[in-house]
């Protein structure tokens, strides 16, 4: 099995899972890149939505993004993890999720870096 990441900071890193012992970070980055590649149209729309909300309110969480730009059933849930994986975001805190499906877990609050 081969996973490739297109993360700007990872420069198209390819992982051959049976040839090396990848780190958790490498596996995460490759997984994020794969789900982004398969659902980039929706992720790009959600990223634009997140930026607009942050510009208007000063900060944004995934709950607000998903309220304004719901994830279609055809898009894998892990695609939401790609939304704030750009260098223009800074996590500034955590809040409890408002989504009942989140089972009261906390989600990040992000601000755009100027």
N, C-alpha and C. Protein backbone atom coordinates (compact mmCIF):
# COMPACT_ATOMS: atom_id res chain seq x y z
N UNK A 1 0.86 -1.18 0.00
CA UNK A 1 0.00 0.00 0.00
C UNK A 1 0.89 1.22 0.00
N UNK A 2 0.51 2.19 -0.81
CA UNK A 2 1.26 3.43 -0.92
C UNK A 2 0.32 4.59 -0.66
N UNK A 3 0.74 5.50 0.20
CA UNK A 3 -0.01 6.72 0.45
C UNK A 3 0.87 7.89 0.09
N UNK A 4 0.29 8.88 -0.58
CA UNK A 4 1.04 10.06 -0.97
C UNK A 4 0.37 11.28 -0.36
N UNK A 5 1.18 12.15 0.21
CA UNK A 5 0.65 13.40 0.73
C UNK A 5 1.05 14.54 -0.17
N UNK A 6 0.14 15.47 -0.37
CA UNK A 6 0.43 16.66 -1.16
C UNK A 6 0.47 17.89 -0.27
N UNK A 7 0.64 17.67 1.03
CA UNK A 7 0.74 18.78 1.97
C UNK A 7 1.90 19.66 1.57
N UNK A 8 1.69 20.98 1.52
CA UNK A 8 2.78 21.87 1.11
C UNK A 8 4.04 21.67 1.94
N UNK A 9 3.89 21.40 3.23
CA UNK A 9 5.07 21.26 4.07
C UNK A 9 5.69 19.88 3.96
N UNK A 10 5.00 18.94 3.35
CA UNK A 10 5.51 17.57 3.25
C UNK A 10 5.96 17.22 1.83
N UNK A 11 5.82 18.13 0.89
CA UNK A 11 6.34 18.03 -0.47
C UNK A 11 6.12 16.68 -1.13
N UNK A 12 4.87 16.29 -1.33
CA UNK A 12 4.53 15.07 -2.05
C UNK A 12 5.22 13.83 -1.50
N UNK A 13 5.27 13.70 -0.20
CA UNK A 13 5.88 12.55 0.46
C UNK A 13 5.08 11.29 0.13
N UNK A 14 5.75 10.24 -0.32
CA UNK A 14 5.11 8.96 -0.59
C UNK A 14 5.52 7.98 0.49
N UNK A 15 4.55 7.30 1.06
CA UNK A 15 4.82 6.31 2.09
C UNK A 15 4.54 4.93 1.54
N UNK A 16 5.49 4.06 1.63
CA UNK A 16 5.31 2.66 1.30
C UNK A 16 5.17 1.95 2.64
N UNK A 17 3.94 1.64 3.01
CA UNK A 17 3.67 1.19 4.36
C UNK A 17 4.35 -0.11 4.74
N UNK A 18 4.73 -0.92 3.75
CA UNK A 18 5.38 -2.17 4.09
C UNK A 18 6.90 -2.09 3.99
N UNK A 19 7.41 -0.95 3.56
CA UNK A 19 8.85 -0.77 3.41
C UNK A 19 9.47 0.01 4.56
N UNK A 20 8.70 0.85 5.24
CA UNK A 20 9.23 1.67 6.32
C UNK A 20 8.28 1.62 7.51
N UNK A 21 8.70 2.19 8.58
CA UNK A 21 7.84 2.34 9.75
C UNK A 21 7.43 3.80 9.84
N UNK A 22 6.33 4.17 9.16
CA UNK A 22 5.93 5.58 9.16
C UNK A 22 5.51 6.04 10.54
N UNK A 23 5.75 7.30 10.79
CA UNK A 23 5.32 7.89 12.05
C UNK A 23 3.81 8.15 12.00
N UNK A 24 3.24 8.38 13.14
CA UNK A 24 1.83 8.74 13.19
C UNK A 24 1.55 10.02 12.41
N UNK A 25 2.46 10.98 12.50
CA UNK A 25 2.29 12.23 11.77
C UNK A 25 2.30 11.99 10.26
N UNK A 26 3.20 11.13 9.80
CA UNK A 26 3.25 10.82 8.37
C UNK A 26 1.97 10.14 7.90
N UNK A 27 1.48 9.20 8.68
CA UNK A 27 0.24 8.52 8.32
C UNK A 27 -0.94 9.49 8.31
N UNK A 28 -1.00 10.38 9.32
CA UNK A 28 -2.06 11.38 9.37
C UNK A 28 -2.01 12.28 8.15
N UNK A 29 -0.82 12.79 7.82
CA UNK A 29 -0.68 13.70 6.70
C UNK A 29 -1.04 13.02 5.38
N UNK A 30 -0.65 11.77 5.23
CA UNK A 30 -0.99 11.03 4.01
C UNK A 30 -2.49 10.78 3.93
N UNK A 31 -3.11 10.47 5.04
CA UNK A 31 -4.56 10.26 5.07
C UNK A 31 -5.32 11.53 4.75
N UNK A 32 -4.88 12.64 5.31
CA UNK A 32 -5.52 13.93 5.04
C UNK A 32 -5.39 14.27 3.56
N UNK A 33 -4.21 14.03 2.98
CA UNK A 33 -4.00 14.32 1.56
C UNK A 33 -4.89 13.44 0.69
N UNK A 34 -5.04 12.19 1.07
CA UNK A 34 -5.86 11.27 0.28
C UNK A 34 -7.33 11.69 0.31
N UNK A 35 -7.84 12.00 1.48
CA UNK A 35 -9.25 12.38 1.58
C UNK A 35 -9.48 13.74 0.90
N UNK A 36 -8.50 14.63 0.97
CA UNK A 36 -8.62 15.91 0.27
C UNK A 36 -8.68 15.68 -1.24
N UNK A 37 -7.80 14.84 -1.74
CA UNK A 37 -7.76 14.56 -3.18
C UNK A 37 -9.11 14.03 -3.66
N UNK A 38 -9.73 13.18 -2.87
CA UNK A 38 -11.00 12.56 -3.26
C UNK A 38 -12.20 13.48 -3.10
N UNK A 39 -12.08 14.51 -2.29
CA UNK A 39 -13.22 15.39 -2.00
C UNK A 39 -12.84 16.87 -2.06
N UNK A 40 -11.89 17.22 -2.91
CA UNK A 40 -11.33 18.57 -2.92
C UNK A 40 -12.37 19.65 -3.25
N UNK A 41 -13.34 19.33 -4.07
CA UNK A 41 -14.33 20.33 -4.44
C UNK A 41 -15.09 20.83 -3.20
N UNK A 42 -15.58 19.89 -2.37
CA UNK A 42 -16.31 20.30 -1.17
C UNK A 42 -15.36 20.93 -0.14
N UNK A 43 -14.17 20.36 0.03
CA UNK A 43 -13.22 20.91 1.01
C UNK A 43 -12.87 22.35 0.64
N UNK A 44 -12.63 22.61 -0.63
CA UNK A 44 -12.31 23.98 -1.05
C UNK A 44 -13.48 24.94 -0.77
N UNK A 45 -14.70 24.48 -1.00
CA UNK A 45 -15.87 25.29 -0.70
C UNK A 45 -15.98 25.55 0.80
N UNK A 46 -15.75 24.51 1.61
CA UNK A 46 -15.80 24.65 3.07
C UNK A 46 -14.69 25.58 3.56
N UNK A 47 -13.51 25.51 2.95
CA UNK A 47 -12.41 26.42 3.33
C UNK A 47 -12.78 27.86 3.04
N UNK A 48 -13.38 28.10 1.88
CA UNK A 48 -13.81 29.47 1.55
C UNK A 48 -14.86 29.97 2.54
N UNK A 49 -15.77 29.08 2.91
CA UNK A 49 -16.79 29.41 3.89
C UNK A 49 -16.15 29.75 5.23
N UNK A 50 -15.19 28.94 5.67
CA UNK A 50 -14.51 29.17 6.93
C UNK A 50 -13.80 30.52 6.93
N UNK A 51 -13.15 30.85 5.83
CA UNK A 51 -12.44 32.13 5.73
C UNK A 51 -13.41 33.31 5.79
N UNK A 52 -14.56 33.16 5.14
CA UNK A 52 -15.55 34.23 5.17
C UNK A 52 -16.11 34.43 6.58
N UNK A 53 -16.39 33.34 7.27
CA UNK A 53 -16.90 33.43 8.64
C UNK A 53 -15.85 34.07 9.55
N UNK A 54 -14.60 33.62 9.44
CA UNK A 54 -13.53 34.16 10.29
C UNK A 54 -13.31 35.64 10.00
N UNK A 55 -13.40 36.04 8.75
CA UNK A 55 -13.23 37.46 8.41
C UNK A 55 -14.36 38.29 9.01
N UNK A 56 -15.54 37.75 9.07
CA UNK A 56 -16.71 38.47 9.59
C UNK A 56 -16.76 38.46 11.11
N UNK A 57 -16.51 37.29 11.73
CA UNK A 57 -16.65 37.16 13.19
C UNK A 57 -15.34 37.26 13.95
N UNK A 58 -14.23 37.09 13.26
CA UNK A 58 -12.93 37.12 13.93
C UNK A 58 -12.36 35.74 14.19
N UNK A 59 -13.23 34.75 14.34
CA UNK A 59 -12.79 33.37 14.54
C UNK A 59 -13.88 32.44 14.03
N UNK A 60 -13.56 31.16 13.94
CA UNK A 60 -14.51 30.18 13.41
C UNK A 60 -14.19 28.79 13.96
N UNK A 61 -15.21 27.98 14.11
CA UNK A 61 -15.04 26.57 14.49
C UNK A 61 -15.65 25.70 13.40
N UNK A 62 -15.39 24.43 13.45
CA UNK A 62 -15.93 23.51 12.47
C UNK A 62 -17.45 23.48 12.53
N UNK A 63 -18.03 23.67 13.69
CA UNK A 63 -19.49 23.68 13.80
C UNK A 63 -20.09 24.77 12.92
N UNK A 64 -19.50 25.95 12.96
CA UNK A 64 -20.00 27.06 12.15
C UNK A 64 -19.83 26.80 10.66
N UNK A 65 -18.71 26.20 10.29
CA UNK A 65 -18.47 25.87 8.89
C UNK A 65 -19.51 24.87 8.39
N UNK A 66 -19.75 23.82 9.18
CA UNK A 66 -20.68 22.79 8.75
C UNK A 66 -22.13 23.28 8.75
N UNK A 67 -22.45 24.26 9.58
CA UNK A 67 -23.79 24.85 9.52
C UNK A 67 -23.99 25.62 8.22
N UNK A 68 -22.96 26.34 7.78
CA UNK A 68 -23.05 27.16 6.58
C UNK A 68 -22.78 26.36 5.30
N UNK A 69 -22.01 25.29 5.42
CA UNK A 69 -21.60 24.48 4.25
C UNK A 69 -21.68 23.01 4.65
N UNK A 70 -22.89 22.46 4.73
CA UNK A 70 -23.03 21.06 5.18
C UNK A 70 -22.25 20.09 4.30
N UNK A 71 -21.70 19.08 4.95
CA UNK A 71 -20.97 18.03 4.22
C UNK A 71 -21.97 17.10 3.56
N UNK A 72 -21.92 16.96 2.22
CA UNK A 72 -22.81 16.02 1.55
C UNK A 72 -22.56 14.58 2.00
N UNK A 73 -23.58 13.77 1.94
CA UNK A 73 -23.44 12.37 2.35
C UNK A 73 -22.38 11.64 1.53
N UNK A 74 -22.15 12.09 0.30
CA UNK A 74 -21.16 11.44 -0.57
C UNK A 74 -19.72 11.77 -0.19
N UNK A 75 -19.53 12.75 0.69
CA UNK A 75 -18.19 13.16 1.12
C UNK A 75 -17.85 12.45 2.42
N UNK A 76 -16.69 11.82 2.47
CA UNK A 76 -16.25 11.09 3.65
C UNK A 76 -16.13 12.05 4.84
N UNK A 77 -16.61 11.64 6.02
CA UNK A 77 -16.52 12.52 7.20
C UNK A 77 -15.11 13.00 7.53
N UNK A 78 -14.11 12.22 7.22
CA UNK A 78 -12.73 12.64 7.51
C UNK A 78 -12.30 13.84 6.67
N UNK A 79 -13.05 14.16 5.62
CA UNK A 79 -12.71 15.32 4.80
C UNK A 79 -12.78 16.61 5.61
N UNK A 80 -13.61 16.63 6.66
CA UNK A 80 -13.69 17.84 7.48
C UNK A 80 -12.35 18.14 8.15
N UNK A 81 -11.53 17.13 8.36
CA UNK A 81 -10.21 17.34 8.96
C UNK A 81 -9.25 18.09 8.06
N UNK A 82 -9.58 18.22 6.79
CA UNK A 82 -8.72 18.95 5.85
C UNK A 82 -8.97 20.45 5.85
N UNK A 83 -10.09 20.87 6.38
CA UNK A 83 -10.51 22.27 6.23
C UNK A 83 -9.50 23.24 6.84
N UNK A 84 -9.05 22.99 8.05
CA UNK A 84 -8.15 23.94 8.73
C UNK A 84 -6.68 23.53 8.60
N UNK A 85 -6.33 22.75 7.58
CA UNK A 85 -4.95 22.29 7.40
C UNK A 85 -4.18 23.19 6.44
N UNK A 86 -4.50 24.44 6.42
CA UNK A 86 -3.74 25.40 5.63
C UNK A 86 -2.94 26.27 6.59
N UNK A 87 -1.84 26.83 6.10
CA UNK A 87 -0.98 27.63 6.97
C UNK A 87 -1.58 28.98 7.33
N UNK A 88 -2.73 29.31 6.76
CA UNK A 88 -3.35 30.61 7.05
C UNK A 88 -4.16 30.58 8.35
N UNK A 89 -4.22 29.43 9.03
CA UNK A 89 -5.03 29.30 10.25
C UNK A 89 -4.16 29.17 11.49
N UNK A 90 -4.65 29.76 12.57
CA UNK A 90 -4.02 29.60 13.88
C UNK A 90 -5.11 29.18 14.86
N UNK A 91 -4.89 28.04 15.52
CA UNK A 91 -5.85 27.62 16.53
C UNK A 91 -5.66 28.48 17.76
N UNK A 92 -6.75 29.09 18.25
CA UNK A 92 -6.66 30.02 19.36
C UNK A 92 -7.41 29.53 20.59
N UNK A 93 -8.01 28.38 20.49
CA UNK A 93 -8.73 27.84 21.64
C UNK A 93 -9.59 26.66 21.27
N UNK A 94 -10.41 26.27 22.22
CA UNK A 94 -11.32 25.14 22.06
C UNK A 94 -12.67 25.52 22.65
N UNK A 95 -13.72 24.96 22.08
CA UNK A 95 -15.07 25.11 22.63
C UNK A 95 -15.77 23.76 22.53
N UNK A 96 -16.77 23.52 23.37
CA UNK A 96 -17.54 22.29 23.22
C UNK A 96 -18.34 22.36 21.91
N UNK A 97 -18.36 21.28 21.19
CA UNK A 97 -19.13 21.24 19.95
C UNK A 97 -20.62 21.37 20.25
N UNK A 98 -21.31 22.07 19.38
CA UNK A 98 -22.76 22.20 19.50
C UNK A 98 -23.49 21.04 18.83
N UNK A 99 -22.78 20.22 18.10
CA UNK A 99 -23.40 19.12 17.38
C UNK A 99 -23.65 17.93 18.31
N UNK A 100 -24.88 17.46 18.40
CA UNK A 100 -25.15 16.27 19.23
C UNK A 100 -24.33 15.05 18.78
N UNK A 101 -24.06 14.95 17.50
CA UNK A 101 -23.28 13.82 16.97
C UNK A 101 -21.84 13.83 17.48
N UNK A 102 -21.36 14.98 17.96
CA UNK A 102 -19.99 15.09 18.47
C UNK A 102 -19.85 14.57 19.89
N UNK A 103 -20.97 14.23 20.53
CA UNK A 103 -20.94 13.66 21.89
C UNK A 103 -20.16 14.53 22.87
N UNK A 104 -20.34 15.85 22.79
CA UNK A 104 -19.78 16.82 23.71
C UNK A 104 -18.26 16.97 23.64
N UNK A 105 -17.62 16.50 22.56
CA UNK A 105 -16.16 16.71 22.45
C UNK A 105 -15.88 18.17 22.13
N UNK A 106 -14.66 18.56 22.37
CA UNK A 106 -14.27 19.94 22.07
C UNK A 106 -13.77 20.03 20.63
N UNK A 107 -13.95 21.20 20.04
CA UNK A 107 -13.45 21.46 18.70
C UNK A 107 -12.61 22.73 18.74
N UNK A 108 -11.70 22.83 17.81
CA UNK A 108 -10.82 23.99 17.75
C UNK A 108 -11.53 25.25 17.29
N UNK A 109 -11.05 26.37 17.78
CA UNK A 109 -11.46 27.69 17.31
C UNK A 109 -10.25 28.28 16.60
N UNK A 110 -10.47 28.78 15.39
CA UNK A 110 -9.37 29.24 14.55
C UNK A 110 -9.53 30.69 14.14
N UNK A 111 -8.40 31.36 13.99
CA UNK A 111 -8.35 32.70 13.43
C UNK A 111 -7.48 32.67 12.20
N UNK A 112 -7.80 33.54 11.25
CA UNK A 112 -6.95 33.70 10.06
C UNK A 112 -5.68 34.45 10.46
N UNK A 113 -4.57 34.00 9.96
CA UNK A 113 -3.30 34.69 10.18
C UNK A 113 -3.17 35.78 9.12
N UNK A 114 -2.88 36.96 9.55
CA UNK A 114 -2.81 38.11 8.62
C UNK A 114 -1.51 38.13 7.88
